């Protein structure tokens, strides 16, 4: 099966009058939630879904434990997980900030070389998104792509919405919030695990 992609302009707001270079972006086939992923692994390997779910939870718990101790953790052939931090405010001198003002920024995943190499070569196929016109989606088309994806997959992330609709982060957030206010979708989860569901 091919990986579909489209080409988008970079959209640098400081160079609106200049032609922007194009970059390739995957058009997702959908989102596999944890339940569906476990089901697929069970079917392909013969392990029970309960066993797989238990192993995943055990790996997740152990990963969290060692990350909290400051370790970089390698998880099989997937890659290395590590933490990155951020200061709560800009500082110029070390003495200007203390530990309570340092926070978790994100959890990094550095994919192992073997895992990455196993992905090559990709079967790529360009597909013009039917939901955009000359690189610019109107709101009706954004709504259409959102609803269609929700009907097929049940939920959507902001990143998937951005990729499917070919819009940037700010526009995606604005539209998703608007659709929540209009009662079209509802938000589930928090932080980096937010998904949007159809009402």
Protein backbone atom coordinates (compact mmCIF):
# COMPACT_ATOMS: atom_id res chain seq x y z
CA UNK A 1 0.00 0.00 0.00
CA UNK A 2 1.30 3.44 -0.91
CA UNK A 3 1.94 6.36 1.40
CA UNK A 4 0.09 9.32 -0.09
CA UNK A 5 1.54 12.79 0.09
CA UNK A 6 0.93 16.28 -1.22
CA UNK A 7 3.13 19.34 -1.66
CA UNK A 8 2.53 22.51 0.32
CA UNK A 9 4.08 25.95 0.38
CA UNK A 10 6.05 26.74 3.52
CA UNK A 11 3.81 29.70 4.32
CA UNK A 12 6.37 32.02 5.90
CA UNK A 13 4.25 34.99 7.10
CA UNK A 14 7.23 37.33 6.73
CA UNK A 15 7.49 36.56 3.00
CA UNK A 16 3.87 36.67 1.88
CA UNK A 17 4.72 38.37 -1.41
CA UNK A 18 7.44 35.89 -2.34
CA UNK A 19 7.01 32.45 -3.83
CA UNK A 20 7.60 29.89 -1.10
CA UNK A 21 9.42 26.56 -1.56
CA UNK A 22 7.26 23.46 -1.46
CA UNK A 23 7.61 20.68 1.07
CA UNK A 24 6.13 17.19 1.09
CA UNK A 25 3.58 16.22 3.71
CA UNK A 26 1.99 12.83 4.32
CA UNK A 27 -1.75 12.57 3.87
CA UNK A 28 -2.64 10.18 6.72
CA UNK A 29 -4.71 7.12 5.95
CA UNK A 30 -6.26 7.58 9.38
CA UNK A 31 -5.45 7.17 13.06
CA UNK A 32 -5.11 3.78 14.76
CA UNK A 33 -6.15 4.12 18.38
CA UNK A 34 -4.60 1.90 21.06
CA UNK A 35 -7.48 -0.60 21.09
CA UNK A 36 -7.36 -1.14 17.33
CA UNK A 37 -3.56 -1.37 17.31
CA UNK A 38 -3.61 -4.05 20.01
CA UNK A 39 -6.25 -5.95 18.06
CA UNK A 40 -4.10 -5.89 14.91
CA UNK A 41 -0.96 -7.00 16.76
CA UNK A 42 -2.93 -9.87 18.30
CA UNK A 43 -4.16 -11.04 14.91
CA UNK A 44 -0.70 -10.91 13.32
CA UNK A 45 1.25 -12.54 16.18
CA UNK A 46 -1.18 -14.84 17.97
CA UNK A 47 -0.80 -13.25 21.41
CA UNK A 48 -4.00 -12.50 23.24
CA UNK A 49 -5.14 -8.89 23.35
CA UNK A 50 -5.01 -8.98 27.16
CA UNK A 51 -1.37 -10.13 27.07
CA UNK A 52 -0.37 -7.40 24.62
CA UNK A 53 -2.24 -4.73 26.58
CA UNK A 54 -0.58 -5.88 29.80
CA UNK A 55 2.89 -5.83 28.23
CA UNK A 56 2.35 -2.36 26.77
CA UNK A 57 1.19 -1.05 30.12
CA UNK A 58 4.17 -2.62 31.89
CA UNK A 59 6.58 -1.10 29.35
CA UNK A 60 4.88 2.30 29.68
CA UNK A 61 5.06 2.22 33.48
CA UNK A 62 8.73 1.18 33.50
CA UNK A 63 9.58 3.78 30.86
CA UNK A 64 7.98 6.53 32.92
CA UNK A 65 9.80 5.36 36.05
CA UNK A 66 13.28 5.54 34.52
CA UNK A 67 12.63 8.75 32.60
CA UNK A 68 11.67 10.36 35.92
CA UNK A 69 15.08 9.28 37.24
CA UNK A 70 16.82 11.16 34.41
CA UNK A 71 17.75 8.14 32.29
CA UNK A 72 17.65 7.87 28.52
CA UNK A 73 15.79 4.64 27.81
CA UNK A 74 16.11 2.42 24.74
CA UNK A 75 12.92 0.51 23.97
CA UNK A 76 13.66 -2.42 21.69
CA UNK A 77 14.34 -1.48 18.08
CA UNK A 78 11.97 1.50 18.36
CA UNK A 79 14.48 3.98 19.71
CA UNK A 80 15.67 6.03 22.67
CA UNK A 81 13.33 8.08 24.86
CA UNK A 82 14.62 11.09 26.79
CA UNK A 83 13.34 14.24 28.48
CA UNK A 84 13.83 17.87 27.55
CA UNK A 85 13.24 20.79 29.90
CA UNK A 86 12.31 24.45 29.63
CA UNK A 87 12.65 27.49 31.85
CA UNK A 88 9.44 29.07 33.07
CA UNK A 89 10.73 32.48 32.04
CA UNK A 90 13.70 33.88 30.09
CA UNK A 91 16.89 34.14 32.18
CA UNK A 92 20.42 35.31 31.44
CA UNK A 93 22.20 34.10 34.59
CA UNK A 94 22.00 30.72 36.34
CA UNK A 95 21.31 32.33 39.70
CA UNK A 96 18.16 34.00 38.34
CA UNK A 97 16.16 30.78 38.30
CA UNK A 98 15.59 27.83 40.64
CA UNK A 99 14.32 24.27 40.22
CA UNK A 100 10.61 25.08 40.80
CA UNK A 101 10.73 27.29 37.69
CA UNK A 102 12.11 24.50 35.48
CA UNK A 103 9.46 22.34 33.79
CA UNK A 104 9.15 19.36 31.50
CA UNK A 105 9.13 20.53 27.91
CA UNK A 106 8.61 17.32 25.96
CA UNK A 107 9.58 13.67 25.72
CA UNK A 108 11.94 13.00 22.83
CA UNK A 109 12.07 9.84 20.75
CA UNK A 110 15.21 9.26 18.71
CA UNK A 111 14.36 6.48 16.29
CA UNK A 112 16.94 3.70 16.01
CA UNK A 113 18.83 3.47 12.74
CA UNK A 114 17.69 -0.12 12.20
CA UNK A 115 14.03 0.83 12.61
CA UNK A 116 14.39 3.75 10.21
CA UNK A 117 16.21 1.65 7.62
CA UNK A 118 13.48 -0.99 7.78
CA UNK A 119 11.01 1.68 6.60
CA UNK A 120 12.90 2.23 3.36
CA UNK A 121 12.09 2.35 0.58
CA UNK A 122 8.64 3.85 1.02
CA UNK A 123 6.07 3.38 -1.71
CA UNK A 124 5.12 7.00 -2.25
CA UNK A 125 2.32 8.31 -4.39
CA UNK A 126 1.37 11.95 -4.79
CA UNK A 127 -2.30 12.74 -4.35
CA UNK A 128 -3.89 16.15 -4.77
CA UNK A 129 -6.00 16.86 -1.74
CA UNK A 130 -9.65 17.20 -2.81
CA UNK A 131 -10.24 19.55 0.10
CA UNK A 132 -8.11 22.50 -0.92
CA UNK A 133 -8.01 25.00 -3.76
CA UNK A 134 -4.66 26.44 -4.88
CA UNK A 135 -3.15 25.61 -1.50
CA UNK A 136 -5.85 27.41 0.47
CA UNK A 137 -8.77 25.66 2.14
CA UNK A 138 -11.99 27.46 2.87
CA UNK A 139 -13.84 26.74 6.08
CA UNK A 140 -16.54 24.58 4.47
CA UNK A 141 -13.92 22.24 3.04
CA UNK A 142 -12.13 22.04 6.40
CA UNK A 143 -15.42 21.07 8.01
CA UNK A 144 -16.01 18.46 5.31
CA UNK A 145 -12.62 16.78 5.73
CA UNK A 146 -13.04 16.78 9.50
CA UNK A 147 -16.49 15.20 9.50
CA UNK A 148 -15.52 12.64 6.87
CA UNK A 149 -12.51 11.55 8.92
CA UNK A 150 -14.56 11.34 12.13
CA UNK A 151 -17.19 9.20 10.44
CA UNK A 152 -14.51 6.82 9.17
CA UNK A 153 -12.13 6.73 12.13
CA UNK A 154 -14.14 7.93 15.14
CA UNK A 155 -11.61 10.50 16.34
CA UNK A 156 -8.99 12.91 15.04
CA UNK A 157 -5.94 14.69 16.43
CA UNK A 158 -5.00 18.28 15.68
CA UNK A 159 -1.96 17.07 13.75
CA UNK A 160 -4.07 14.78 11.57
CA UNK A 161 -6.51 17.63 10.93
CA UNK A 162 -3.64 19.89 9.88
CA UNK A 163 -2.27 17.30 7.47
CA UNK A 164 -5.58 16.28 5.97
CA UNK A 165 -6.77 19.84 5.46
CA UNK A 166 -3.36 21.28 4.54
CA UNK A 167 -3.56 24.07 7.12
CA UNK A 168 -1.16 25.39 9.72
CA UNK A 169 -1.31 24.90 13.48
CA UNK A 170 -2.96 28.23 14.35
CA UNK A 171 -5.73 27.80 11.79
CA UNK A 172 -6.36 24.22 12.91
CA UNK A 173 -6.66 25.25 16.57
CA UNK A 174 -8.99 28.11 15.69
CA UNK A 175 -11.28 25.92 13.59
CA UNK A 176 -11.35 23.07 16.11
CA UNK A 177 -12.31 25.47 18.89
CA UNK A 178 -15.00 26.95 16.68
CA UNK A 179 -16.41 23.51 15.88
CA UNK A 180 -16.48 22.73 19.61
CA UNK A 181 -18.49 25.92 20.26
CA UNK A 182 -20.85 25.00 17.43
CA UNK A 183 -21.43 21.57 18.97
CA UNK A 184 -19.99 19.66 16.00
CA UNK A 185 -17.19 18.00 17.96
CA UNK A 186 -16.06 17.54 21.54
CA UNK A 187 -12.59 17.47 23.04
CA UNK A 188 -11.33 14.41 24.92
CA UNK A 189 -8.12 14.08 26.93
CA UNK A 190 -5.53 16.68 27.82
CA UNK A 191 -2.03 17.87 27.02
CA UNK A 192 -0.41 15.91 24.19
CA UNK A 193 -3.10 13.20 24.28
CA UNK A 194 -6.03 15.35 23.11
CA UNK A 195 -8.33 13.89 20.46
CA UNK A 196 -11.53 15.29 19.01
CA UNK A 197 -14.71 13.23 18.77
CA UNK A 198 -17.94 13.76 16.88
CA UNK A 199 -20.85 14.80 19.08
